[in-house]
Amino acid sequence: MSDFDIAKARANFPALKSGYIFGDNAGGSQVTQSVVDRISDYLLNTNVQLGADYSVSVESTRRSMNEAPTEAAKLFNAKSPSEIVFAQSSTLNLDNLSRGLESDIKPGDEFIITTEHEANAGPWKKLAARTGAVLKVWEATPTVADNPYSLSLKIEELLPLFQ
C-alpha cells in the first residue's frame, strides 16, 4: 500500500473545494495554494516595470529574471537557466518555436504531433502549411470507454509513423 496521502495532496488545490475538477483546457489548469500565494505576493508587492533602478523594480527584476529561471531549471532538470523560456502560454511558446525553426524546414520534412490540445498541434499545422512539410498524427487511444478524457499514447502506434 502506498504512503501517498491523496487527501493531503488535494487539500493543496483551493479550486477542488468547489467539488468540481476544472480540466477543460491548459489555460484553466488549477494551481496549488502556494502558487496562488506567490502570484499574489508578486502582484501586490513587486508588479512594476522591470529593469528600472528604483528598489522595488530591482527586486522585481531579480525575482522575475534571475530567481524564476533558476527555480524552473531545477524543476525541469535543465542544465542551465538559459534553457528556460517563459511566455504567456504554451500555445505562444510553441508558435514562437515553430517560427524560429521555419527557415530550416524544407518541403517533405516530417512532424509527428498529438492532437489532444491546440497548443500541441496548431503551430506545427501552420508551419507545415507554410513550408510544405508533412504532418503525421500520433492518435491517442481511449482507455476507458465512457471517459473521453482517459487517453493513452501507445508506442506501438508511434513507431510506424517513422516509416
N, C-alpha and C. Protein backbone atom coordinates (compact mmCIF):
# COMPACT_ATOMS: atom_id res chain seq x y z
N MET A 1 0.83 -1.18 0.00
CA MET A 1 0.00 0.00 0.00
C MET A 1 0.88 1.24 0.00
N SER A 2 0.47 2.27 -0.74
CA SER A 2 1.25 3.49 -0.87
C SER A 2 1.10 4.39 0.35
N ASP A 3 2.15 5.14 0.65
CA ASP A 3 2.11 6.11 1.73
C ASP A 3 1.61 7.46 1.24
N PHE A 4 1.28 7.57 -0.05
CA PHE A 4 0.84 8.84 -0.62
C PHE A 4 -0.53 9.21 -0.06
N ASP A 5 -0.63 10.41 0.51
CA ASP A 5 -1.86 10.89 1.13
C ASP A 5 -2.63 11.74 0.12
N ILE A 6 -3.58 11.12 -0.58
CA ILE A 6 -4.32 11.81 -1.62
C ILE A 6 -5.14 12.97 -1.07
N ALA A 7 -5.70 12.84 0.12
CA ALA A 7 -6.48 13.93 0.71
C ALA A 7 -5.60 15.14 0.99
N LYS A 8 -4.37 14.89 1.47
CA LYS A 8 -3.44 15.99 1.72
C LYS A 8 -3.05 16.67 0.41
N ALA A 9 -2.80 15.89 -0.63
CA ALA A 9 -2.45 16.47 -1.93
C ALA A 9 -3.60 17.32 -2.46
N ARG A 10 -4.81 16.80 -2.40
CA ARG A 10 -5.97 17.55 -2.90
C ARG A 10 -6.20 18.83 -2.11
N ALA A 11 -5.89 18.80 -0.82
CA ALA A 11 -6.09 19.98 0.03
C ALA A 11 -5.22 21.16 -0.40
N ASN A 12 -4.17 20.90 -1.17
CA ASN A 12 -3.30 21.97 -1.66
C ASN A 12 -3.90 22.74 -2.83
N PHE A 13 -4.98 22.25 -3.41
CA PHE A 13 -5.61 22.88 -4.57
C PHE A 13 -6.93 23.53 -4.15
N PRO A 14 -6.94 24.84 -3.91
CA PRO A 14 -8.15 25.51 -3.44
C PRO A 14 -9.36 25.30 -4.34
N ALA A 15 -9.16 25.22 -5.64
CA ALA A 15 -10.28 25.09 -6.57
C ALA A 15 -11.05 23.79 -6.37
N LEU A 16 -10.40 22.77 -5.83
CA LEU A 16 -11.09 21.49 -5.64
C LEU A 16 -12.13 21.54 -4.52
N LYS A 17 -12.07 22.56 -3.69
CA LYS A 17 -13.06 22.69 -2.61
C LYS A 17 -14.47 22.92 -3.16
N SER A 18 -14.58 23.34 -4.42
CA SER A 18 -15.89 23.58 -5.03
C SER A 18 -16.61 22.28 -5.34
N GLY A 19 -15.88 21.17 -5.38
CA GLY A 19 -16.49 19.90 -5.74
C GLY A 19 -16.36 19.59 -7.22
N TYR A 20 -15.77 20.50 -7.98
CA TYR A 20 -15.58 20.31 -9.41
C TYR A 20 -14.10 20.19 -9.73
N ILE A 21 -13.80 19.50 -10.81
CA ILE A 21 -12.45 19.48 -11.35
C ILE A 21 -12.51 20.24 -12.67
N PHE A 22 -11.76 21.33 -12.77
CA PHE A 22 -11.75 22.14 -13.97
C PHE A 22 -10.62 21.67 -14.88
N GLY A 23 -10.89 20.65 -15.68
CA GLY A 23 -9.87 20.07 -16.54
C GLY A 23 -10.15 20.33 -18.00
N ASP A 24 -10.76 21.48 -18.31
CA ASP A 24 -11.22 21.70 -19.68
C ASP A 24 -10.13 22.14 -20.64
N ASN A 25 -9.06 22.78 -20.17
CA ASN A 25 -8.01 23.21 -21.09
C ASN A 25 -6.77 23.62 -20.31
N ALA A 26 -5.68 23.78 -21.04
CA ALA A 26 -4.42 24.15 -20.39
C ALA A 26 -4.50 25.52 -19.74
N GLY A 27 -5.25 26.44 -20.35
CA GLY A 27 -5.40 27.77 -19.78
C GLY A 27 -6.17 27.75 -18.47
N GLY A 28 -6.87 26.66 -18.21
CA GLY A 28 -7.65 26.55 -16.99
C GLY A 28 -7.02 25.65 -15.97
N SER A 29 -5.75 25.34 -16.12
CA SER A 29 -5.08 24.45 -15.18
C SER A 29 -5.15 25.02 -13.77
N GLN A 30 -5.44 24.17 -12.81
CA GLN A 30 -5.53 24.60 -11.43
C GLN A 30 -4.15 24.58 -10.78
N VAL A 31 -3.97 25.46 -9.82
CA VAL A 31 -2.68 25.58 -9.16
C VAL A 31 -2.85 25.38 -7.65
N THR A 32 -1.74 25.11 -7.00
CA THR A 32 -1.75 24.92 -5.56
C THR A 32 -1.84 26.27 -4.84
N GLN A 33 -2.17 26.21 -3.57
CA GLN A 33 -2.26 27.44 -2.78
C GLN A 33 -0.92 28.17 -2.75
N SER A 34 0.19 27.42 -2.73
CA SER A 34 1.50 28.09 -2.71
C SER A 34 1.74 28.89 -3.99
N VAL A 35 1.24 28.43 -5.11
CA VAL A 35 1.36 29.19 -6.36
C VAL A 35 0.49 30.45 -6.29
N VAL A 36 -0.73 30.29 -5.79
CA VAL A 36 -1.62 31.45 -5.60
C VAL A 36 -0.93 32.48 -4.71
N ASP A 37 -0.31 32.02 -3.63
CA ASP A 37 0.37 32.92 -2.70
C ASP A 37 1.53 33.65 -3.36
N ARG A 38 2.33 32.93 -4.16
CA ARG A 38 3.48 33.58 -4.83
C ARG A 38 3.02 34.60 -5.87
N ILE A 39 1.98 34.25 -6.63
CA ILE A 39 1.47 35.20 -7.62
C ILE A 39 0.88 36.42 -6.93
N SER A 40 0.12 36.19 -5.87
CA SER A 40 -0.46 37.31 -5.12
C SER A 40 0.64 38.21 -4.57
N ASP A 41 1.67 37.62 -4.00
CA ASP A 41 2.79 38.39 -3.47
C ASP A 41 3.43 39.24 -4.57
N TYR A 42 3.65 38.64 -5.72
CA TYR A 42 4.25 39.38 -6.83
C TYR A 42 3.34 40.55 -7.24
N LEU A 43 2.06 40.26 -7.46
CA LEU A 43 1.14 41.30 -7.91
C LEU A 43 0.96 42.41 -6.88
N LEU A 44 0.96 42.06 -5.62
CA LEU A 44 0.74 43.06 -4.58
C LEU A 44 1.99 43.84 -4.20
N ASN A 45 3.17 43.23 -4.37
CA ASN A 45 4.38 43.86 -3.84
C ASN A 45 5.44 44.24 -4.86
N THR A 46 5.48 43.59 -6.01
CA THR A 46 6.58 43.88 -6.96
C THR A 46 6.14 43.88 -8.42
N ASN A 47 4.88 44.15 -8.69
CA ASN A 47 4.37 44.19 -10.07
C ASN A 47 4.65 45.57 -10.66
N VAL A 48 5.89 45.78 -11.07
CA VAL A 48 6.34 47.08 -11.57
C VAL A 48 7.15 46.87 -12.85
N GLN A 49 7.54 47.99 -13.45
CA GLN A 49 8.38 47.92 -14.65
C GLN A 49 9.70 47.25 -14.31
N LEU A 50 10.04 46.25 -15.09
CA LEU A 50 11.31 45.55 -14.87
C LEU A 50 12.47 46.36 -15.43
N GLY A 51 13.62 46.27 -14.78
CA GLY A 51 14.84 46.87 -15.30
C GLY A 51 15.10 48.31 -14.89
N ALA A 52 14.19 48.90 -14.13
CA ALA A 52 14.43 50.27 -13.67
C ALA A 52 15.38 50.23 -12.47
N ASP A 53 15.85 51.41 -12.05
CA ASP A 53 16.86 51.42 -10.99
C ASP A 53 16.31 51.72 -9.60
N TYR A 54 14.99 51.83 -9.43
CA TYR A 54 14.45 52.04 -8.08
C TYR A 54 14.27 50.68 -7.40
N SER A 55 14.27 50.68 -6.08
CA SER A 55 14.42 49.45 -5.30
C SER A 55 13.37 48.38 -5.60
N VAL A 56 12.12 48.74 -5.73
CA VAL A 56 11.09 47.73 -5.98
C VAL A 56 11.29 47.09 -7.36
N SER A 57 11.69 47.88 -8.33
CA SER A 57 11.95 47.34 -9.66
C SER A 57 13.18 46.43 -9.66
N VAL A 58 14.20 46.82 -8.92
CA VAL A 58 15.41 45.98 -8.82
C VAL A 58 15.03 44.62 -8.24
N GLU A 59 14.22 44.62 -7.17
CA GLU A 59 13.79 43.37 -6.54
C GLU A 59 12.91 42.55 -7.49
N SER A 60 11.99 43.20 -8.16
CA SER A 60 11.09 42.50 -9.08
C SER A 60 11.87 41.91 -10.25
N THR A 61 12.84 42.66 -10.76
CA THR A 61 13.67 42.16 -11.86
C THR A 61 14.47 40.94 -11.41
N ARG A 62 15.04 41.01 -10.21
CA ARG A 62 15.80 39.88 -9.68
C ARG A 62 14.92 38.64 -9.58
N ARG A 63 13.72 38.79 -9.03
CA ARG A 63 12.82 37.66 -8.85
C ARG A 63 12.38 37.09 -10.21
N SER A 64 12.03 37.98 -11.13
CA SER A 64 11.48 37.54 -12.42
C SER A 64 12.54 37.02 -13.38
N MET A 65 13.65 37.72 -13.45
CA MET A 65 14.64 37.40 -14.48
C MET A 65 15.76 36.49 -13.99
N ASN A 66 16.01 36.43 -12.69
CA ASN A 66 17.09 35.59 -12.17
C ASN A 66 16.55 34.40 -11.38
N GLU A 67 15.73 34.69 -10.38
CA GLU A 67 15.25 33.65 -9.49
C GLU A 67 14.31 32.68 -10.21
N ALA A 68 13.36 33.19 -10.97
CA ALA A 68 12.37 32.32 -11.61
C ALA A 68 13.01 31.32 -12.58
N PRO A 69 13.88 31.75 -13.50
CA PRO A 69 14.50 30.76 -14.39
C PRO A 69 15.38 29.75 -13.65
N THR A 70 16.04 30.18 -12.59
CA THR A 70 16.87 29.26 -11.80
C THR A 70 16.02 28.19 -11.15
N GLU A 71 14.89 28.59 -10.56
CA GLU A 71 14.00 27.63 -9.92
C GLU A 71 13.35 26.71 -10.96
N ALA A 72 12.97 27.26 -12.11
CA ALA A 72 12.37 26.43 -13.17
C ALA A 72 13.40 25.43 -13.70
N ALA A 73 14.66 25.83 -13.81
CA ALA A 73 15.71 24.91 -14.27
C ALA A 73 15.83 23.72 -13.32
N LYS A 74 15.73 23.98 -12.02
CA LYS A 74 15.76 22.88 -11.05
C LYS A 74 14.55 21.96 -11.25
N LEU A 75 13.39 22.55 -11.40
CA LEU A 75 12.16 21.78 -11.55
C LEU A 75 12.22 20.87 -12.78
N PHE A 76 12.72 21.39 -13.89
CA PHE A 76 12.74 20.64 -15.15
C PHE A 76 14.06 19.93 -15.42
N ASN A 77 14.98 19.97 -14.47
CA ASN A 77 16.27 19.32 -14.60
C ASN A 77 17.05 19.85 -15.81
N ALA A 78 16.91 21.14 -16.05
CA ALA A 78 17.66 21.77 -17.15
C ALA A 78 19.11 21.93 -16.72
N LYS A 79 20.00 21.93 -17.69
CA LYS A 79 21.42 22.10 -17.39
C LYS A 79 21.72 23.52 -16.91
N SER A 80 20.89 24.48 -17.37
CA SER A 80 21.15 25.88 -17.08
C SER A 80 19.83 26.67 -17.16
N PRO A 81 19.72 27.76 -16.42
CA PRO A 81 18.54 28.61 -16.56
C PRO A 81 18.38 29.18 -17.98
N SER A 82 19.47 29.20 -18.74
CA SER A 82 19.37 29.71 -20.12
C SER A 82 18.53 28.79 -21.01
N GLU A 83 18.26 27.57 -20.55
CA GLU A 83 17.41 26.65 -21.30
C GLU A 83 15.92 26.89 -21.03
N ILE A 84 15.61 27.79 -20.13
CA ILE A 84 14.23 28.06 -19.72
C ILE A 84 13.70 29.28 -20.46
N VAL A 85 12.49 29.16 -21.00
CA VAL A 85 11.83 30.26 -21.69
C VAL A 85 10.44 30.42 -21.10
N PHE A 86 10.10 31.64 -20.74
CA PHE A 86 8.77 31.95 -20.25
C PHE A 86 8.00 32.71 -21.31
N ALA A 87 6.72 32.46 -21.41
CA ALA A 87 5.85 33.22 -22.31
C ALA A 87 4.46 33.22 -21.71
N GLN A 88 3.53 33.85 -22.40
CA GLN A 88 2.18 33.98 -21.88
C GLN A 88 1.43 32.66 -21.86
N SER A 89 1.81 31.72 -22.73
CA SER A 89 1.08 30.46 -22.80
C SER A 89 1.91 29.42 -23.53
N SER A 90 1.53 28.16 -23.37
CA SER A 90 2.18 27.08 -24.12
C SER A 90 1.97 27.26 -25.61
N THR A 91 0.78 27.70 -25.97
CA THR A 91 0.48 27.92 -27.39
C THR A 91 1.45 28.94 -27.98
N LEU A 92 1.64 30.06 -27.28
CA LEU A 92 2.56 31.09 -27.77
C LEU A 92 4.00 30.58 -27.80
N ASN A 93 4.42 29.84 -26.77
CA ASN A 93 5.78 29.28 -26.77
C ASN A 93 6.01 28.39 -27.98
N LEU A 94 5.07 27.49 -28.25
CA LEU A 94 5.25 26.57 -29.38
C LEU A 94 5.13 27.29 -30.72
N ASP A 95 4.29 28.31 -30.79
CA ASP A 95 4.20 29.09 -32.03
C ASP A 95 5.52 29.82 -32.27
N ASN A 96 6.10 30.42 -31.24
CA ASN A 96 7.40 31.07 -31.38
C ASN A 96 8.48 30.08 -31.78
N LEU A 97 8.47 28.89 -31.18
CA LEU A 97 9.44 27.86 -31.54
C LEU A 97 9.29 27.46 -33.00
N SER A 98 8.07 27.22 -33.43
CA SER A 98 7.86 26.80 -34.83
C SER A 98 8.31 27.88 -35.80
N ARG A 99 8.06 29.13 -35.48
CA ARG A 99 8.51 30.22 -36.36
C ARG A 99 10.03 30.34 -36.35
N GLY A 100 10.65 30.07 -35.21
CA GLY A 100 12.11 30.11 -35.13
C GLY A 100 12.77 29.01 -35.95
N LEU A 101 12.08 27.88 -36.11
CA LEU A 101 12.62 26.76 -36.88
C LEU A 101 12.31 26.87 -38.38
N GLU A 102 11.42 27.77 -38.74
CA GLU A 102 10.87 27.79 -40.10
C GLU A 102 11.92 27.83 -41.21
N SER A 103 12.96 28.61 -41.05
CA SER A 103 13.95 28.72 -42.13
C SER A 103 14.70 27.41 -42.38
N ASP A 104 14.68 26.51 -41.41
CA ASP A 104 15.37 25.22 -41.56
C ASP A 104 14.47 24.11 -42.07
N ILE A 105 13.17 24.36 -42.19
CA ILE A 105 12.23 23.33 -42.60
C ILE A 105 12.10 23.33 -44.12
N LYS A 106 12.23 22.16 -44.69
CA LYS A 106 12.16 22.00 -46.16
C LYS A 106 10.89 21.24 -46.53
N PRO A 107 10.38 21.43 -47.75
CA PRO A 107 9.24 20.63 -48.19
C PRO A 107 9.55 19.14 -48.04
N GLY A 108 8.61 18.41 -47.50
CA GLY A 108 8.80 16.97 -47.29
C GLY A 108 9.32 16.61 -45.91
N ASP A 109 9.89 17.58 -45.16
CA ASP A 109 10.27 17.30 -43.77
C ASP A 109 9.00 16.87 -43.02
N GLU A 110 9.17 16.04 -42.02
CA GLU A 110 8.01 15.46 -41.34
C GLU A 110 7.96 15.86 -39.87
N PHE A 111 6.74 16.12 -39.40
CA PHE A 111 6.46 16.37 -37.99
C PHE A 111 5.48 15.32 -37.53
N ILE A 112 5.69 14.81 -36.33
CA ILE A 112 4.70 13.93 -35.70
C ILE A 112 4.13 14.72 -34.53
N ILE A 113 2.81 14.87 -34.53
CA ILE A 113 2.15 15.63 -33.48
C ILE A 113 1.07 14.79 -32.80
N THR A 114 0.66 15.25 -31.63
CA THR A 114 -0.53 14.72 -30.98
C THR A 114 -1.58 15.83 -31.07
N THR A 115 -2.83 15.48 -30.91
CA THR A 115 -3.88 16.48 -31.14
C THR A 115 -4.78 16.71 -29.93
N GLU A 116 -4.32 16.32 -28.73
CA GLU A 116 -5.20 16.46 -27.58
C GLU A 116 -5.40 17.92 -27.17
N HIS A 117 -4.56 18.83 -27.66
CA HIS A 117 -4.74 20.25 -27.35
C HIS A 117 -4.18 21.08 -28.51
N GLU A 118 -4.84 22.18 -28.80
CA GLU A 118 -4.43 23.04 -29.90
C GLU A 118 -2.99 23.50 -29.76
N ALA A 119 -2.51 23.72 -28.55
CA ALA A 119 -1.12 24.16 -28.36
C ALA A 119 -0.14 23.14 -28.88
N ASN A 120 -0.51 21.85 -28.84
CA ASN A 120 0.38 20.80 -29.32
C ASN A 120 0.32 20.61 -30.82
N ALA A 121 -0.72 21.12 -31.46
CA ALA A 121 -0.91 20.84 -32.88
C ALA A 121 -0.89 22.09 -33.76
N GLY A 122 -1.55 23.14 -33.35
CA GLY A 122 -1.74 24.32 -34.19
C GLY A 122 -0.49 24.92 -34.79
N PRO A 123 0.55 25.20 -33.99
CA PRO A 123 1.75 25.81 -34.56
C PRO A 123 2.41 24.94 -35.62
N TRP A 124 2.37 23.61 -35.42
CA TRP A 124 3.02 22.70 -36.38
C TRP A 124 2.18 22.54 -37.63
N LYS A 125 0.86 22.59 -37.50
CA LYS A 125 -0.02 22.57 -38.68
C LYS A 125 0.25 23.80 -39.54
N LYS A 126 0.35 24.96 -38.91
CA LYS A 126 0.60 26.20 -39.64
C LYS A 126 1.99 26.18 -40.29
N LEU A 127 2.98 25.67 -39.55
CA LEU A 127 4.34 25.58 -40.10
C LEU A 127 4.37 24.65 -41.30
N ALA A 128 3.71 23.52 -41.21
CA ALA A 128 3.66 22.58 -42.34
C ALA A 128 2.99 23.23 -43.54
N ALA A 129 1.92 23.97 -43.32
CA ALA A 129 1.23 24.64 -44.43
C ALA A 129 2.12 25.70 -45.07
N ARG A 130 2.91 26.40 -44.27
CA ARG A 130 3.79 27.45 -44.81
C ARG A 130 4.98 26.89 -45.54
N THR A 131 5.46 25.70 -45.17
CA THR A 131 6.73 25.20 -45.68
C THR A 131 6.63 23.98 -46.59
N GLY A 132 5.46 23.36 -46.64
CA GLY A 132 5.33 22.12 -47.41
C GLY A 132 5.78 20.89 -46.65
N ALA A 133 5.94 21.02 -45.35
CA ALA A 133 6.32 19.86 -44.53
C ALA A 133 5.12 18.92 -44.43
N VAL A 134 5.40 17.68 -44.07
CA VAL A 134 4.37 16.64 -43.94
C VAL A 134 4.03 16.50 -42.46
N LEU A 135 2.75 16.48 -42.18
CA LEU A 135 2.28 16.34 -40.80
C LEU A 135 1.72 14.95 -40.59
N LYS A 136 2.23 14.26 -39.56
CA LYS A 136 1.71 12.94 -39.19
C LYS A 136 1.14 13.05 -37.78
N VAL A 137 0.05 12.35 -37.53
CA VAL A 137 -0.63 12.45 -36.24
C VAL A 137 -0.50 11.14 -35.48
N TRP A 138 0.00 11.25 -34.26
CA TRP A 138 0.04 10.12 -33.33
C TRP A 138 -1.27 10.18 -32.56
N GLU A 139 -2.18 9.31 -32.91
CA GLU A 139 -3.52 9.32 -32.33
C GLU A 139 -3.53 8.73 -30.94
N ALA A 140 -4.25 9.39 -30.04
CA ALA A 140 -4.44 8.86 -28.70
C ALA A 140 -5.52 7.78 -28.74
N THR A 141 -5.38 6.81 -27.88
CA THR A 141 -6.32 5.68 -27.80
C THR A 141 -7.12 5.79 -26.50
N PRO A 142 -8.46 5.74 -26.59
CA PRO A 142 -9.25 5.75 -25.35
C PRO A 142 -8.90 4.54 -24.48
N THR A 143 -8.85 4.75 -23.18
CA THR A 143 -8.53 3.65 -22.26
C THR A 143 -9.75 3.21 -21.46
N VAL A 144 -10.72 4.11 -21.31
CA VAL A 144 -11.96 3.78 -20.61
C VAL A 144 -13.11 4.24 -21.51
N ALA A 145 -13.95 3.32 -21.92
CA ALA A 145 -14.97 3.60 -22.93
C ALA A 145 -15.87 4.78 -22.60
N ASP A 146 -16.28 4.94 -21.36
CA ASP A 146 -17.22 6.01 -21.02
C ASP A 146 -16.54 7.27 -20.47
N ASN A 147 -15.22 7.39 -20.63
CA ASN A 147 -14.50 8.56 -20.17
C ASN A 147 -13.68 9.14 -21.32
N PRO A 148 -14.17 10.21 -21.97
CA PRO A 148 -13.46 10.75 -23.13
C PRO A 148 -12.10 11.38 -22.79
N TYR A 149 -11.83 11.59 -21.49
CA TYR A 149 -10.55 12.17 -21.08
C TYR A 149 -9.51 11.12 -20.73
N SER A 150 -9.89 9.87 -20.74
CA SER A 150 -8.98 8.80 -20.39
C SER A 150 -8.32 8.28 -21.67
N LEU A 151 -7.14 8.81 -21.96
CA LEU A 151 -6.45 8.50 -23.22
C LEU A 151 -5.04 7.99 -22.95
N SER A 152 -4.53 7.28 -23.93
CA SER A 152 -3.17 6.76 -23.85
C SER A 152 -2.51 6.91 -25.21
N LEU A 153 -1.24 7.25 -25.22
CA LEU A 153 -0.44 7.26 -26.44
C LEU A 153 0.41 6.00 -26.41
N LYS A 154 0.22 5.14 -27.38
CA LYS A 154 0.90 3.85 -27.40
C LYS A 154 2.10 3.88 -28.34
N ILE A 155 3.23 3.47 -27.81
CA ILE A 155 4.47 3.49 -28.59
C ILE A 155 4.36 2.66 -29.85
N GLU A 156 3.62 1.54 -29.79
CA GLU A 156 3.48 0.70 -30.97
C GLU A 156 2.68 1.39 -32.08
N GLU A 157 1.94 2.44 -31.74
CA GLU A 157 1.23 3.22 -32.76
C GLU A 157 2.07 4.40 -33.26
N LEU A 158 3.11 4.74 -32.52
CA LEU A 158 4.02 5.81 -32.93
C LEU A 158 5.05 5.29 -33.94
N LEU A 159 5.63 4.16 -33.67
CA LEU A 159 6.75 3.67 -34.49
C LEU A 159 6.46 3.61 -35.97
N PRO A 160 5.27 3.15 -36.42
CA PRO A 160 5.02 3.13 -37.87
C PRO A 160 5.03 4.53 -38.51
N LEU A 161 4.83 5.58 -37.72
CA LEU A 161 4.84 6.93 -38.27
C LEU A 161 6.24 7.34 -38.72
N PHE A 162 7.28 6.64 -38.26
CA PHE A 162 8.65 6.96 -38.65
C PHE A 162 9.03 6.35 -40.00
N GLN A 163 8.15 5.55 -40.57
CA GLN A 163 8.48 4.88 -41.85
C GLN A 163 8.02 5.68 -43.03
